[in-house]
Amino acid sequence: MSVANVIAGLTRNPFRRGDTPPWMPGRARHDKAVVSGVDQPLVWVTVALLAFGLVMVYSASIAMPDNPKFARYAHDYFLTRHSLFVGLAFVAGLLAFQVPVVSWERLAPWLFVASLVLLMVVLIPHVGKGVNGARRWIGLGFMSFQPSELAKLAVVLYAADYMVRKMEVKERFFRAVLPMAVAVAVVGLLLLAEPDMGAFMVIAVIAMGILFLGGVNARMFFLIAAVMTIAFVLMIALSEWRRERIFAYLDPWSEKHALGKGYQLSHSLIAIGRGEIFGVGLGGSVEKLHWLPEAHTDFLLAVIGEEFGLVGVLTVIGLFLWMTRRIMHIGRQAIALDRVFAGLVAQGVGIWIGFQAFINMGVNLGALPTKGLTLPLMSYGGSAVLMNVIAIAIVLRIDYENRVLMRGGRA
């Protein structure tokens, strides 16, 4: 039985109609609305990205135990763990799908507060887990949880709920925008303390996108955008190692940067260059053999480019482009049905997935400076895959309730 059929079977729930829909005159009131289930193309694109990511994580990590640093791991260590993460995410997604959108609206403020608490907890010595100078994880035994991933989902829900509550005052800057700006600034300060500027950028873009789509005055939006741009420029200008990243991005092949800040970027470009049009074949990557750091996480697309060439990279880009467009369409459909919170949540998830994928791809292709952001649904990492799948499950729930309403039922 297919995954889409399993989900559709679990969620099919005919509703009795109280009124005859205008497009079906003469139907009896006691007829049941026929619910077609979930958006199966979106389900299959999600499954395709997860499955392809699983294959590529194995390909990118299979040689890592040959490195003394990972000598205690088996060759299938990362494959086994990533399979566990995907399985856990699938179960969590099924559970999240069962939760009505109105319940997510009630939970939004509490999830936001919970994410703030976890972002503070991760900074506590001996509680937060540090890797490469960054303290971003909380050890849970079988996996390390990254609170910033929960914060992305929490900001999507909170910003959507905030805009619905502030709909009457959205023309007034201090009453409509300033409180949300303060909330995002608090999240940003906690993320910068880890430090995790990449996650802060994603969260800031999510919040700005939802404010714009929620109907905030255009002048306010451009003012916010200008303030955020100045803030990020100052963060870079006042941080020596962030400035070095920018200089390394501008000239990764120089003698100064080739073995330093530009090392990952230069080897990512070498990997993609080796792939040419059709790639060197699955498992044939040379750069993953201890040349390209984080090949199974941040630079997974570079391995795809080397092994599957331009065709593989364009396929991944096409899948993410289609997914983002489809999620945004579901959001517009919900707003057209006067479900503003649901619509803004779906569009917020679309902004999140699309923007993060864009940043990761831009970094791998040398179009953007190096940032510590994974490729959604594909890169190795339990927290990211878990939150991505839950977010898409919420979008599928929104689409499901849209279909019920359009057939005369009740969401």
Protein backbone atom coordinates (compact mmCIF):
# COMPACT_ATOMS: atom_id res chain seq x y z
CA MET A 1 0.00 0.00 0.00
CA SER A 2 1.39 3.43 -0.95
CA VAL A 3 2.35 6.08 1.61
CA ALA A 4 -0.25 8.47 0.16
CA ASN A 5 -2.98 5.83 0.46
CA VAL A 6 -1.98 5.10 4.07
CA ILE A 7 -2.24 8.80 4.95
CA ALA A 8 -5.50 9.20 3.03
CA GLY A 9 -6.96 6.15 4.77
CA LEU A 10 -5.99 7.40 8.21
CA THR A 11 -7.47 10.81 7.62
CA ARG A 12 -10.59 10.11 5.56
CA ASN A 13 -13.51 11.30 7.65
CA PRO A 14 -16.82 12.00 5.85
CA PHE A 15 -18.80 14.93 7.25
CA ARG A 16 -22.57 15.38 7.15
CA ARG A 17 -23.65 18.60 5.48
CA GLY A 18 -25.74 21.16 7.22
CA ASP A 19 -26.39 23.12 4.04
CA THR A 20 -26.46 22.29 0.35
CA PRO A 21 -23.43 23.77 -1.43
CA PRO A 22 -24.38 26.41 -4.04
CA TRP A 23 -22.67 24.47 -6.82
CA MET A 24 -24.70 21.29 -6.09
CA PRO A 25 -28.39 22.40 -5.90
CA GLY A 26 -31.01 19.88 -5.06
CA ARG A 27 -28.80 17.46 -3.15
CA ALA A 28 -30.28 16.01 0.05
CA ARG A 29 -29.06 17.50 3.32
CA HIS A 30 -28.17 14.12 4.73
CA ASP A 31 -25.67 13.29 1.95
CA LYS A 32 -22.08 12.92 2.99
CA ALA A 33 -19.32 15.07 1.58
CA VAL A 34 -16.79 13.07 -0.37
CA VAL A 35 -13.33 13.95 0.86
CA SER A 36 -10.53 13.14 -1.56
CA GLY A 37 -7.83 12.97 1.15
CA VAL A 38 -4.50 14.74 0.96
CA ASP A 39 -2.52 16.42 -1.79
CA GLN A 40 -0.83 13.29 -3.14
CA PRO A 41 1.66 15.07 -5.47
CA LEU A 42 2.98 17.05 -2.47
CA VAL A 43 3.25 13.82 -0.46
CA TRP A 44 5.19 12.09 -3.24
CA VAL A 45 7.57 15.00 -3.82
CA THR A 46 8.28 15.04 -0.06
CA VAL A 47 8.86 11.26 -0.07
CA ALA A 48 11.11 11.59 -3.15
CA LEU A 49 13.28 14.25 -1.48
CA LEU A 50 13.52 12.20 1.73
CA ALA A 51 14.41 9.00 -0.18
CA PHE A 52 16.96 10.72 -2.42
CA GLY A 53 18.44 12.43 0.63
CA LEU A 54 18.77 9.06 2.36
CA VAL A 55 20.68 7.62 -0.61
CA MET A 56 22.95 10.66 -0.88
CA VAL A 57 23.66 10.80 2.88
CA TYR A 58 24.86 7.20 2.63
CA SER A 59 26.95 7.96 -0.45
CA ALA A 60 28.46 11.09 1.13
CA SER A 61 29.26 9.44 4.47
CA ILE A 62 30.25 5.88 3.53
CA ALA A 63 33.99 6.70 3.50
CA MET A 64 34.00 8.80 6.69
CA PRO A 65 35.09 5.91 9.01
CA ASP A 66 38.36 5.78 7.06
CA ASN A 67 39.16 9.11 8.71
CA PRO A 68 40.73 8.59 12.19
CA LYS A 69 38.28 11.15 13.58
CA PHE A 70 35.37 8.80 12.74
CA ALA A 71 37.24 5.49 13.06
CA ARG A 72 34.86 4.17 15.74
CA TYR A 73 31.85 4.44 13.39
CA ALA A 74 30.71 1.72 10.99
CA HIS A 75 30.41 2.57 7.30
CA ASP A 76 26.60 2.55 7.54
CA TYR A 77 26.50 4.55 10.81
CA PHE A 78 25.10 7.75 9.29
CA LEU A 79 22.73 5.81 7.01
CA THR A 80 21.29 3.91 9.99
CA ARG A 81 20.83 7.02 12.09
CA HIS A 82 19.37 9.04 9.22
CA SER A 83 16.93 6.18 8.48
CA LEU A 84 15.88 6.32 12.13
CA PHE A 85 15.39 10.08 11.88
CA VAL A 86 13.28 9.74 8.72
CA GLY A 87 11.15 7.00 10.32
CA LEU A 88 10.65 9.10 13.46
CA ALA A 89 9.77 12.13 11.32
CA PHE A 90 7.21 10.09 9.36
CA VAL A 91 5.46 9.00 12.56
CA ALA A 92 5.56 12.56 13.95
CA GLY A 93 4.17 13.84 10.63
CA LEU A 94 1.24 11.41 10.79
CA LEU A 95 0.48 12.53 14.35
CA ALA A 96 0.80 16.23 13.44
CA PHE A 97 -1.61 15.71 10.54
CA GLN A 98 -4.31 14.55 12.99
CA VAL A 99 -4.22 17.88 14.86
CA PRO A 100 -6.83 20.38 13.57
CA VAL A 101 -5.49 23.75 12.45
CA VAL A 102 -7.53 25.51 15.14
CA SER A 103 -5.53 23.58 17.75
CA TRP A 104 -2.25 24.75 16.22
CA GLU A 105 -3.60 28.31 16.47
CA ARG A 106 -4.25 27.87 20.20
CA LEU A 107 -0.83 26.28 20.72
CA ALA A 108 1.12 28.91 18.75
CA PRO A 109 2.04 31.25 21.66
CA TRP A 110 2.98 28.34 23.92
CA LEU A 111 5.20 26.74 21.26
CA PHE A 112 6.93 30.09 20.80
CA VAL A 113 7.58 30.38 24.54
CA ALA A 114 8.81 26.77 24.64
CA SER A 115 11.24 27.46 21.80
CA LEU A 116 12.59 30.52 23.66
CA VAL A 117 13.13 28.45 26.80
CA LEU A 118 15.00 25.76 24.83
CA LEU A 119 17.15 28.41 23.11
CA MET A 120 18.15 29.60 26.59
CA VAL A 121 18.72 26.08 27.89
CA VAL A 122 21.11 25.26 25.04
CA LEU A 123 23.41 28.07 26.23
CA ILE A 124 23.79 26.56 29.72
CA PRO A 125 27.25 24.97 30.16
CA HIS A 126 27.23 21.15 30.33
CA VAL A 127 23.64 21.14 29.00
CA GLY A 128 24.07 22.56 25.52
CA LYS A 129 26.24 20.45 23.25
CA GLY A 130 29.01 22.28 21.41
CA VAL A 131 30.46 21.33 18.00
CA ASN A 132 33.14 23.33 16.15
CA GLY A 133 32.81 26.24 18.56
CA ALA A 134 29.01 26.49 18.31
CA ARG A 135 26.63 25.48 21.10
CA ARG A 136 23.42 24.56 19.27
CA TRP A 137 22.29 21.10 20.43
CA ILE A 138 20.73 19.42 23.46
CA GLY A 139 21.69 15.76 23.90
CA LEU A 140 18.70 13.40 24.14
CA GLY A 141 20.60 10.11 24.13
CA PHE A 142 19.52 8.64 20.79
CA MET A 143 19.80 12.03 19.02
CA SER A 144 20.85 15.64 19.52
CA PHE A 145 17.97 18.10 19.34
CA GLN A 146 18.56 21.55 17.81
CA PRO A 147 16.15 24.12 19.35
CA SER A 148 16.63 26.53 16.42
CA GLU A 149 14.72 24.09 14.19
CA LEU A 150 11.76 24.15 16.57
CA ALA A 151 12.06 27.95 16.68
CA LYS A 152 11.52 28.13 12.90
CA LEU A 153 8.21 26.26 13.15
CA ALA A 154 7.24 28.19 16.29
CA VAL A 155 7.85 31.55 14.55
CA VAL A 156 5.73 30.46 11.57
CA LEU A 157 2.79 29.62 13.86
CA TYR A 158 3.27 32.59 16.20
CA ALA A 159 3.66 35.17 13.41
CA ALA A 160 0.51 33.87 11.67
CA ASP A 161 -1.45 33.94 14.92
CA TYR A 162 -0.08 37.42 15.72
CA MET A 163 -1.19 38.83 12.35
CA VAL A 164 -4.70 37.42 12.80
CA ARG A 165 -4.95 39.00 16.25
CA LYS A 166 -3.53 42.35 15.06
CA MET A 167 -5.54 42.52 11.82
CA GLU A 168 -7.42 45.61 13.00
CA VAL A 169 -4.30 47.66 13.75
CA LYS A 170 -1.98 46.50 10.97
CA GLU A 171 -1.72 50.08 9.63
CA ARG A 172 -0.18 51.32 12.87
CA PHE A 173 3.51 50.57 13.17
CA PHE A 174 4.00 50.64 16.93
CA ARG A 175 0.88 48.62 17.72
CA ALA A 176 1.11 46.14 14.85
CA VAL A 177 4.76 45.61 13.99
CA LEU A 178 6.92 46.62 16.94
CA PRO A 179 5.86 43.80 19.34
CA MET A 180 6.55 41.18 16.66
CA ALA A 181 9.88 42.83 15.88
CA VAL A 182 10.84 42.62 19.57
CA ALA A 183 9.91 38.91 19.68
CA VAL A 184 12.06 38.16 16.62
CA ALA A 185 14.91 40.26 18.05
CA VAL A 186 14.87 38.19 21.27
CA VAL A 187 15.07 34.98 19.22
CA GLY A 188 17.86 36.53 17.16
CA LEU A 189 19.92 37.47 20.22
CA LEU A 190 19.66 33.92 21.56
CA LEU A 191 20.64 32.46 18.18
CA LEU A 192 23.59 34.83 17.79
CA ALA A 193 24.80 33.77 21.24
CA GLU A 194 25.13 30.14 20.01
CA PRO A 195 26.16 31.45 17.35
CA ASP A 196 23.76 30.55 14.50
CA MET A 197 23.36 33.49 12.16
CA GLY A 198 21.98 31.26 9.38
CA ALA A 199 18.97 30.20 11.46
CA PHE A 200 18.40 33.83 12.50
CA MET A 201 18.33 34.88 8.84
CA VAL A 202 15.73 32.21 8.02
CA ILE A 203 13.55 33.17 11.01
CA ALA A 204 13.79 36.89 10.17
CA VAL A 205 12.75 36.23 6.56
CA ILE A 206 9.84 34.01 7.72
CA ALA A 207 8.57 36.74 10.07
CA MET A 208 8.95 39.48 7.45
CA GLY A 209 7.24 37.35 4.81
CA ILE A 210 4.24 36.62 7.03
CA LEU A 211 3.95 40.29 8.01
CA PHE A 212 3.94 41.27 4.32
CA LEU A 213 1.48 38.55 3.27
CA GLY A 214 -0.69 39.39 6.29
CA GLY A 215 -1.28 42.87 4.89
CA VAL A 216 1.19 45.12 6.68
CA ASN A 217 1.53 48.51 5.02
CA ALA A 218 4.16 48.45 2.23
CA ARG A 219 6.05 51.41 3.73
CA MET A 220 6.28 49.57 7.04
CA PHE A 221 7.51 46.45 5.28
CA PHE A 222 10.28 48.26 3.42
CA LEU A 223 11.25 50.07 6.62
CA ILE A 224 11.55 46.70 8.40
CA ALA A 225 13.53 45.28 5.47
CA ALA A 226 15.92 48.23 5.56
CA VAL A 227 16.42 47.89 9.33
CA MET A 228 17.06 44.13 9.01
CA THR A 229 19.53 44.67 6.16
CA ILE A 230 21.46 47.27 8.17
CA ALA A 231 21.43 44.96 11.20
CA PHE A 232 22.90 42.02 9.25
CA VAL A 233 25.51 44.26 7.62
CA LEU A 234 26.57 45.51 11.08
CA MET A 235 26.73 41.93 12.41
CA ILE A 236 29.13 41.05 9.62
CA ALA A 237 31.16 44.27 9.86
CA LEU A 238 31.63 43.98 13.62
CA SER A 239 32.67 40.32 13.56
CA GLU A 240 36.16 39.50 12.30
CA TRP A 241 35.44 35.85 11.46
CA ARG A 242 32.23 36.81 9.58
CA ARG A 243 34.20 39.38 7.58
CA GLU A 244 36.74 36.69 6.77
CA ARG A 245 33.95 34.49 5.43
CA ILE A 246 32.86 37.27 3.08
CA PHE A 247 36.43 37.84 1.87
CA ALA A 248 36.89 34.08 1.39
CA TYR A 249 33.66 33.94 -0.62
CA LEU A 250 34.88 36.75 -2.88
CA ASP A 251 38.23 35.01 -3.51
CA PRO A 252 38.20 31.36 -2.34
CA TRP A 253 41.20 30.41 -4.50
CA SER A 254 43.66 32.88 -2.99
CA GLU A 255 46.64 31.57 -1.03
CA LYS A 256 45.24 33.09 2.16
CA HIS A 257 41.76 31.54 1.93
CA ALA A 258 42.19 28.30 -0.05
CA LEU A 259 43.19 26.35 3.09
CA GLY A 260 41.15 28.48 5.49
CA LYS A 261 37.70 30.07 5.26
CA GLY A 262 37.47 29.35 1.53
CA TYR A 263 38.35 25.65 1.83
CA GLN A 264 34.79 24.28 1.84
CA LEU A 265 33.63 26.56 -0.96
CA SER A 266 36.59 25.78 -3.22
CA HIS A 267 36.16 22.02 -2.82
CA SER A 268 32.40 22.33 -3.33
CA LEU A 269 33.05 24.08 -6.64
CA ILE A 270 35.61 21.40 -7.59
CA ALA A 271 33.00 18.68 -6.86
CA ILE A 272 30.31 20.35 -8.95
CA GLY A 273 32.83 21.02 -11.74
CA ARG A 274 33.84 17.34 -11.84
CA GLY A 275 30.20 16.31 -12.29
CA GLU A 276 29.77 18.24 -15.54
CA ILE A 277 26.43 17.36 -17.22
CA PHE A 278 25.60 13.80 -16.13
CA GLY A 279 27.98 13.28 -13.19
CA VAL A 280 30.53 10.58 -12.41
CA GLY A 281 27.90 8.13 -11.17
CA LEU A 282 26.43 7.24 -7.77
CA GLY A 283 29.24 6.55 -5.30
CA GLY A 284 31.91 7.92 -7.63
CA SER A 285 32.55 11.21 -5.82
CA VAL A 286 36.18 11.92 -4.97
CA GLU A 287 35.57 15.11 -2.96
CA LYS A 288 33.60 13.21 -0.30
CA LEU A 289 36.78 11.20 0.44
CA HIS A 290 37.88 13.56 3.25
CA TRP A 291 38.37 16.56 0.97
CA LEU A 292 34.98 18.26 1.37
CA PRO A 293 34.01 18.82 5.05
CA GLU A 294 30.35 18.34 6.03
CA ALA A 295 29.62 16.57 2.74
CA HIS A 296 26.65 14.73 4.28
CA THR A 297 25.11 17.86 5.85
CA ASP A 298 25.67 21.42 4.56
CA PHE A 299 27.36 20.39 1.29
CA LEU A 300 25.20 17.45 0.24
CA LEU A 301 24.25 19.26 -2.98
CA ALA A 302 27.92 19.38 -3.99
CA VAL A 303 28.08 15.56 -3.80
CA ILE A 304 24.85 15.37 -5.82
CA GLY A 305 26.42 17.67 -8.40
CA GLU A 306 29.55 15.53 -8.60
CA GLU A 307 27.76 12.19 -8.83
CA PHE A 308 24.70 13.22 -10.89
CA GLY A 309 25.99 16.34 -12.59
CA LEU A 310 23.97 19.32 -13.78
CA VAL A 311 20.98 17.03 -14.38
CA GLY A 312 20.91 15.97 -10.71
CA VAL A 313 21.27 19.53 -9.41
CA LEU A 314 18.52 20.84 -11.70
CA THR A 315 16.25 17.97 -10.63
CA VAL A 316 16.66 18.88 -6.95
CA ILE A 317 16.13 22.59 -7.70
CA GLY A 318 13.00 21.74 -9.72
CA LEU A 319 11.54 19.61 -6.90
CA PHE A 320 12.06 22.36 -4.31
CA LEU A 321 10.67 24.99 -6.68
CA TRP A 322 7.55 22.90 -7.31
CA MET A 323 7.13 22.16 -3.59
CA THR A 324 7.42 25.83 -2.59
CA ARG A 325 4.98 26.90 -5.30
CA ARG A 326 2.47 24.22 -4.30
CA ILE A 327 2.65 25.10 -0.58
CA MET A 328 2.13 28.80 -1.37
CA HIS A 329 -0.88 27.86 -3.52
CA ILE A 330 -2.42 25.91 -0.61
CA GLY A 331 -1.93 29.00 1.56
CA ARG A 332 -3.65 31.28 -0.98
CA GLN A 333 -6.51 28.79 -1.24
CA ALA A 334 -6.98 28.82 2.55
CA ILE A 335 -7.05 32.65 2.63
CA ALA A 336 -9.63 32.62 -0.19
CA LEU A 337 -11.77 30.40 2.08
CA ASP A 338 -11.43 33.05 4.85
CA ARG A 339 -8.99 30.89 6.83
CA VAL A 340 -6.35 33.57 7.35
CA PHE A 341 -4.32 31.82 10.06
CA ALA A 342 -4.15 28.57 8.08
CA GLY A 343 -3.20 30.43 4.90
CA LEU A 344 -0.42 32.42 6.57
CA VAL A 345 0.96 29.26 8.22
CA ALA A 346 1.12 27.44 4.88
CA GLN A 347 2.77 30.40 3.19
CA GLY A 348 5.20 30.75 6.12
CA VAL A 349 6.22 27.11 5.68
CA GLY A 350 6.67 27.76 1.95
CA ILE A 351 8.94 30.73 2.71
CA TRP A 352 10.91 28.64 5.22
CA ILE A 353 11.49 25.64 2.93
CA GLY A 354 12.08 27.75 -0.18
CA PHE A 355 14.42 30.31 1.39
CA GLN A 356 16.52 27.77 3.28
CA ALA A 357 16.86 25.59 0.17
CA PHE A 358 17.82 28.70 -1.83
CA ILE A 359 20.52 29.67 0.69
CA ASN A 360 21.96 26.14 0.88
CA MET A 361 22.03 25.77 -2.91
CA GLY A 362 23.54 29.23 -3.32
CA VAL A 363 26.32 28.36 -0.88
CA ASN A 364 27.07 25.04 -2.60
CA LEU A 365 27.14 26.68 -6.04
CA GLY A 366 29.34 29.58 -4.89
CA ALA A 367 26.63 32.20 -5.37
CA LEU A 368 26.40 33.04 -1.64
CA PRO A 369 28.85 33.15 1.30
CA THR A 370 29.16 29.98 3.38
CA LYS A 371 26.39 29.56 5.99
CA GLY A 372 25.66 26.67 8.30
CA LEU A 373 22.28 25.76 6.80
CA THR A 374 21.29 22.27 5.71
CA LEU A 375 19.29 21.32 2.63
CA PRO A 376 15.70 20.78 3.88
CA LEU A 377 14.43 17.17 3.93
CA MET A 378 17.69 15.85 2.46
CA SER A 379 20.74 16.67 4.58
CA TYR A 380 21.73 14.50 7.55
CA GLY A 381 20.24 15.71 10.82
CA GLY A 382 17.44 14.54 13.07
CA SER A 383 16.01 17.87 14.26
CA ALA A 384 15.87 19.44 10.81
CA VAL A 385 14.20 16.46 9.11
CA LEU A 386 11.75 16.08 12.02
CA MET A 387 10.64 19.74 11.95
CA ASN A 388 10.52 19.87 8.14
CA VAL A 389 8.21 16.85 7.97
CA ILE A 390 5.97 18.15 10.77
CA ALA A 391 5.70 21.51 8.96
CA ILE A 392 4.70 19.81 5.71
CA ALA A 393 2.20 17.62 7.62
CA ILE A 394 0.58 20.82 8.93
CA VAL A 395 0.38 22.13 5.35
CA LEU A 396 -1.24 18.84 4.26
CA ARG A 397 -3.75 19.24 7.11
CA ILE A 398 -4.54 22.77 5.91
CA ASP A 399 -5.06 21.45 2.38
CA TYR A 400 -7.26 18.62 3.72
CA GLU A 401 -9.47 21.07 5.62
CA ASN A 402 -9.65 23.28 2.51
CA ARG A 403 -10.98 20.31 0.53
CA VAL A 404 -13.54 19.50 3.22
CA LEU A 405 -14.83 23.08 3.21
CA MET A 406 -15.02 23.21 -0.58
CA ARG A 407 -17.19 20.09 -0.49
CA GLY A 408 -19.60 21.54 2.00
CA GLY A 409 -18.21 19.94 5.17
CA ARG A 410 -16.72 21.51 8.29
CA ALA A 411 -12.99 21.75 8.89
